Amino acid sequence: MVTEIIPAETAEVKSLSGKSVLILRNNALPLINIYEMLHILPSKTGYIIVCLIGNQRVAFTVEDLFGDEEIVVKPLGKIFGDLHGISGATITGDGKIVLILDIVELLKNKNFRV
């Protein structure tokens, strides 16, 4: 789903009708603050991730990137119940457990049209 990664300092961000948008090649893409969406304390925005969801492009703010890695996504299982917006987890090459966000589900919960 990720089509582009843009360093925040080079991104053109504007406000349109009270909402943040990323101006990318003369197109305005919805810009979603991932911290607000996940209800976590805000942090600096280091990058903007552009995703293609269906036929619409959407941009998300993120703090940092840790590289590109082939992963196997495992379901969380019944013990965690029904966590909306989390599609599973993986174990990275250095042994860390990482949750995998389900961007489409997060957008559905925010009543965002895709």
C-alpha atoms as a PDB file:
ATOM      1  CA  MET A   1       0.000   0.000   0.000  1.00  0.00           C
ATOM      2  CA  VAL A   2       2.933   2.391   0.538  1.00  0.00           C
ATOM      3  CA  THR A   3       3.737   4.271  -2.661  1.00  0.00           C
ATOM      4  CA  GLU A   4       6.051   7.024  -1.398  1.00  0.00           C
ATOM      5  CA  ILE A   5       7.954   8.174   1.656  1.00  0.00           C
ATOM      6  CA  ILE A   6       8.654  11.887   1.948  1.00  0.00           C
ATOM      7  CA  PRO A   7      10.884  13.566   4.563  1.00  0.00           C
ATOM      8  CA  ALA A   8       8.675  15.949   6.545  1.00  0.00           C
ATOM      9  CA  GLU A   9      11.037  18.895   6.096  1.00  0.00           C
ATOM     10  CA  THR A  10      10.635  18.737   2.291  1.00  0.00           C
ATOM     11  CA  ALA A  11       6.873  18.123   2.278  1.00  0.00           C
ATOM     12  CA  GLU A  12       4.419  20.855   1.332  1.00  0.00           C
ATOM     13  CA  VAL A  13       1.628  20.749   3.917  1.00  0.00           C
ATOM     14  CA  LYS A  14      -1.322  23.146   3.792  1.00  0.00           C
ATOM     15  CA  SER A  15      -4.721  23.547   5.405  1.00  0.00           C
ATOM     16  CA  LEU A  16      -7.781  23.127   3.193  1.00  0.00           C
ATOM     17  CA  SER A  17     -11.241  23.629   4.712  1.00  0.00           C
ATOM     18  CA  GLY A  18      -9.724  23.209   8.166  1.00  0.00           C
ATOM     19  CA  LYS A  19      -8.037  19.887   7.329  1.00  0.00           C
ATOM     20  CA  SER A  20      -4.364  19.214   6.706  1.00  0.00           C
ATOM     21  CA  VAL A  21      -3.408  18.164   3.196  1.00  0.00           C
ATOM     22  CA  LEU A  22      -0.173  17.176   1.531  1.00  0.00           C
ATOM     23  CA  ILE A  23       0.441  18.904  -1.781  1.00  0.00           C
ATOM     24  CA  LEU A  24       2.116  16.313  -3.977  1.00  0.00           C
ATOM     25  CA  ARG A  25       2.691  17.020  -7.665  1.00  0.00           C
ATOM     26  CA  ASN A  26      -0.136  19.591  -7.707  1.00  0.00           C
ATOM     27  CA  ASN A  27      -2.579  17.188  -6.007  1.00  0.00           C
ATOM     28  CA  ALA A  28      -3.984  17.655  -2.493  1.00  0.00           C
ATOM     29  CA  LEU A  29      -3.918  14.406  -0.504  1.00  0.00           C
ATOM     30  CA  PRO A  30      -5.619  14.032   2.893  1.00  0.00           C
ATOM     31  CA  LEU A  31      -2.922  14.161   5.575  1.00  0.00           C
ATOM     32  CA  ILE A  32      -3.740  12.131   8.662  1.00  0.00           C
ATOM     33  CA  ASN A  33      -1.855  12.639  11.886  1.00  0.00           C
ATOM     34  CA  ILE A  34      -1.187   9.069  13.039  1.00  0.00           C
ATOM     35  CA  TYR A  35      -0.691  10.220  16.651  1.00  0.00           C
ATOM     36  CA  GLU A  36      -4.197  11.684  16.814  1.00  0.00           C
ATOM     37  CA  MET A  37      -5.662   8.653  15.072  1.00  0.00           C
ATOM     38  CA  LEU A  38      -4.103   6.261  17.610  1.00  0.00           C
ATOM     39  CA  HIS A  39      -4.772   8.569  20.588  1.00  0.00           C
ATOM     40  CA  ILE A  40      -1.119   8.660  21.632  1.00  0.00           C
ATOM     41  CA  LEU A  41       1.053  11.562  22.719  1.00  0.00           C
ATOM     42  CA  PRO A  42       2.192  13.612  19.743  1.00  0.00           C
ATOM     43  CA  SER A  43       5.784  13.458  18.644  1.00  0.00           C
ATOM     44  CA  LYS A  44       7.791  15.103  15.927  1.00  0.00           C
ATOM     45  CA  THR A  45       6.861  14.221  12.381  1.00  0.00           C
ATOM     46  CA  GLY A  46       9.905  12.858  10.593  1.00  0.00           C
ATOM     47  CA  TYR A  47       8.272  11.441   7.479  1.00  0.00           C
ATOM     48  CA  ILE A  48       5.047  11.410   5.552  1.00  0.00           C
ATOM     49  CA  ILE A  49       3.962   8.054   4.165  1.00  0.00           C
ATOM     50  CA  VAL A  50       1.753   8.080   1.060  1.00  0.00           C
ATOM     51  CA  CYS A  51      -0.493   5.015   0.699  1.00  0.00           C
ATOM     52  CA  LEU A  52      -2.777   3.867  -2.077  1.00  0.00           C
ATOM     53  CA  ILE A  53      -6.029   2.583  -0.579  1.00  0.00           C
ATOM     54  CA  GLY A  54      -8.407   1.381  -3.245  1.00  0.00           C
ATOM     55  CA  ASN A  55      -8.073   4.110  -5.849  1.00  0.00           C
ATOM     56  CA  GLN A  56      -7.385   6.948  -3.387  1.00  0.00           C
ATOM     57  CA  ARG A  57      -4.054   8.184  -2.102  1.00  0.00           C
ATOM     58  CA  VAL A  58      -3.803   9.157   1.556  1.00  0.00           C
ATOM     59  CA  ALA A  59      -0.822  10.511   3.512  1.00  0.00           C
ATOM     60  CA  PHE A  60       0.113   9.712   7.128  1.00  0.00           C
ATOM     61  CA  THR A  61       2.583  11.337   9.484  1.00  0.00           C
ATOM     62  CA  VAL A  62       5.132   9.116  11.234  1.00  0.00           C
ATOM     63  CA  GLU A  63       7.951   9.843  13.622  1.00  0.00           C
ATOM     64  CA  ASP A  64      10.694   7.679  12.154  1.00  0.00           C
ATOM     65  CA  LEU A  65      11.514   4.808   9.824  1.00  0.00           C
ATOM     66  CA  PHE A  66      13.565   1.801  10.820  1.00  0.00           C
ATOM     67  CA  GLY A  67      14.296   0.257   7.450  1.00  0.00           C
ATOM     68  CA  ASP A  68      12.808  -2.162   4.991  1.00  0.00           C
ATOM     69  CA  GLU A  69      12.423  -5.772   5.996  1.00  0.00           C
ATOM     70  CA  GLU A  70      10.612  -8.847   4.714  1.00  0.00           C
ATOM     71  CA  ILE A  71       8.236  -9.996   7.443  1.00  0.00           C
ATOM     72  CA  VAL A  72       5.678 -12.665   8.197  1.00  0.00           C
ATOM     73  CA  VAL A  73       2.542 -11.267   9.829  1.00  0.00           C
ATOM     74  CA  LYS A  74       1.066 -13.531  12.486  1.00  0.00           C
ATOM     75  CA  PRO A  75      -2.442 -13.101  13.918  1.00  0.00           C
ATOM     76  CA  LEU A  76      -2.580 -11.990  17.547  1.00  0.00           C
ATOM     77  CA  GLY A  77      -4.926 -14.757  18.637  1.00  0.00           C
ATOM     78  CA  LYS A  78      -7.946 -14.842  20.897  1.00  0.00           C
ATOM     79  CA  ILE A  79      -6.104 -13.637  24.005  1.00  0.00           C
ATOM     80  CA  PHE A  80      -5.968 -10.078  22.616  1.00  0.00           C
ATOM     81  CA  GLY A  81      -9.615 -10.033  21.559  1.00  0.00           C
ATOM     82  CA  ASP A  82     -10.742  -7.877  18.686  1.00  0.00           C
ATOM     83  CA  LEU A  83      -8.210  -5.056  18.378  1.00  0.00           C
ATOM     84  CA  HIS A  84      -9.459  -2.693  15.691  1.00  0.00           C
ATOM     85  CA  GLY A  85      -6.683  -1.284  13.559  1.00  0.00           C
ATOM     86  CA  ILE A  86      -4.106  -3.984  14.345  1.00  0.00           C
ATOM     87  CA  SER A  87      -3.798  -6.692  11.707  1.00  0.00           C
ATOM     88  CA  GLY A  88      -1.238  -8.799  13.576  1.00  0.00           C
ATOM     89  CA  ALA A  89       2.337  -8.836  14.764  1.00  0.00           C
ATOM     90  CA  THR A  90       5.766  -9.860  13.583  1.00  0.00           C
ATOM     91  CA  ILE A  91       9.178 -10.524  15.081  1.00  0.00           C
ATOM     92  CA  THR A  92      11.936  -8.488  13.478  1.00  0.00           C
ATOM     93  CA  GLY A  93      15.378  -9.792  12.602  1.00  0.00           C
ATOM     94  CA  ASP A  94      16.765  -8.413  15.884  1.00  0.00           C
ATOM     95  CA  GLY A  95      14.034 -10.127  17.950  1.00  0.00           C
ATOM     96  CA  LYS A  96      11.697  -7.198  18.602  1.00  0.00           C
ATOM     97  CA  ILE A  97       7.942  -7.740  18.501  1.00  0.00           C
ATOM     98  CA  VAL A  98       6.187  -5.215  16.273  1.00  0.00           C
ATOM     99  CA  LEU A  99       2.445  -4.657  15.870  1.00  0.00           C
ATOM    100  CA  ILE A 100       1.216  -4.228  12.298  1.00  0.00           C
ATOM    101  CA  LEU A 101      -1.292  -1.427  11.730  1.00  0.00           C
ATOM    102  CA  ASP A 102      -4.308  -2.041   9.532  1.00  0.00           C
ATOM    103  CA  ILE A 103      -4.622   1.384   7.928  1.00  0.00           C
ATOM    104  CA  VAL A 104      -7.893   0.571   6.145  1.00  0.00           C
ATOM    105  CA  GLU A 105      -9.528  -0.498   9.418  1.00  0.00           C
ATOM    106  CA  LEU A 106      -8.238   2.607  11.205  1.00  0.00           C
ATOM    107  CA  LEU A 107      -9.715   4.806   8.495  1.00  0.00           C
ATOM    108  CA  LYS A 108     -13.051   2.994   8.681  1.00  0.00           C
ATOM    109  CA  ASN A 109     -13.182   3.654  12.427  1.00  0.00           C
ATOM    110  CA  LYS A 110     -12.596   7.344  11.747  1.00  0.00           C
ATOM    111  CA  ASN A 111     -15.373   7.415   9.101  1.00  0.00           C
ATOM    112  CA  PHE A 112     -12.861   8.346   6.434  1.00  0.00           C
ATOM    113  CA  ARG A 113     -14.015   7.624   2.894  1.00  0.00           C
ATOM    114  CA  VAL A 114     -11.718   5.394   0.850  1.00  0.00           C
END
